[in-house]
Amino acid sequence: MKNIFKPILRLIYEKMFLPIASKAMRRMSRNIPKTDLGSKHLANAKLLENREELLKRIPENGVVAELGVDEGGFSNLILNISKPKKLHLIDFWGSKRYNQTKRNKVEQRFEKEINEGLVEINLGLSTEVADSFKENYFDWIYIDTAHSYDVTRDELELYRTKVKDNGIISGHDYILGNWNGMIRYGVIEAVHEFCLKYNWEIIYITTELTNMPSFAIRKIGAK
């Protein structure tokens, strides 16, 4: 019976759903500003295998924030590889996918580190929590939230002054979008626009396809 319906479902998908979804994706893409980086923004860029290698190249013992925590998998890597002196975990955990159950898992996973003051959970949307941090506070941050152009643009703007002059802003999903979910991202465009506007440079791009590429940027001339 299933084999009978497969051709019909495929036809419905190809003739009805796919054209509508493709049109919506093209419209979303047209609305995202596109800018190209100059050579000075790429002069020190290095390709890395994955984001674990990225963590190995970021200075240890820093004050760090992860924006978008999920269940804390990457948070654990940050603790083990980067060895921060303080790690802020910023998340809302207010959606159907990213919910309070996941927040509870994070609190249980890092109970020891939270009690020791090494890890601090900052509950709320990344754009709303930003004002609670003082200027020049973070050594580096990692953004892994909505991935849309608008949200990523706003996060870069808000946290730009929260990192130190030689600080690093990094993040996940440096790609055009999620094909399986038919979702158009805007991380690349937001990062490029930010680098041009504030004279920052790309220092690392990871090349992984199984876990999506990450980026890292800093002010040009920062050491």
Foldseek 3Di string as FASTA:
>chain_A
DVVVCPVVVVCCCVPPVVVVLVVVLVVLVVPFDADDADCLQAVQEDEAAAVLVVLQPQAAQWAEEEQDQQLNPVVVSNCVRRVYQAYEYEEAQVDPRSHVVSVVNNCVVCVVCVVVRRYHYDHDHLLVCLVVADFQHGQEYEYDPDQALVSLLSNCVSCVRNHHQLHKYKYFACDQADVVVSGGGNNVRSVRVSCVVQVKHWNYWYDDDVRGIMTMIHHRPRD
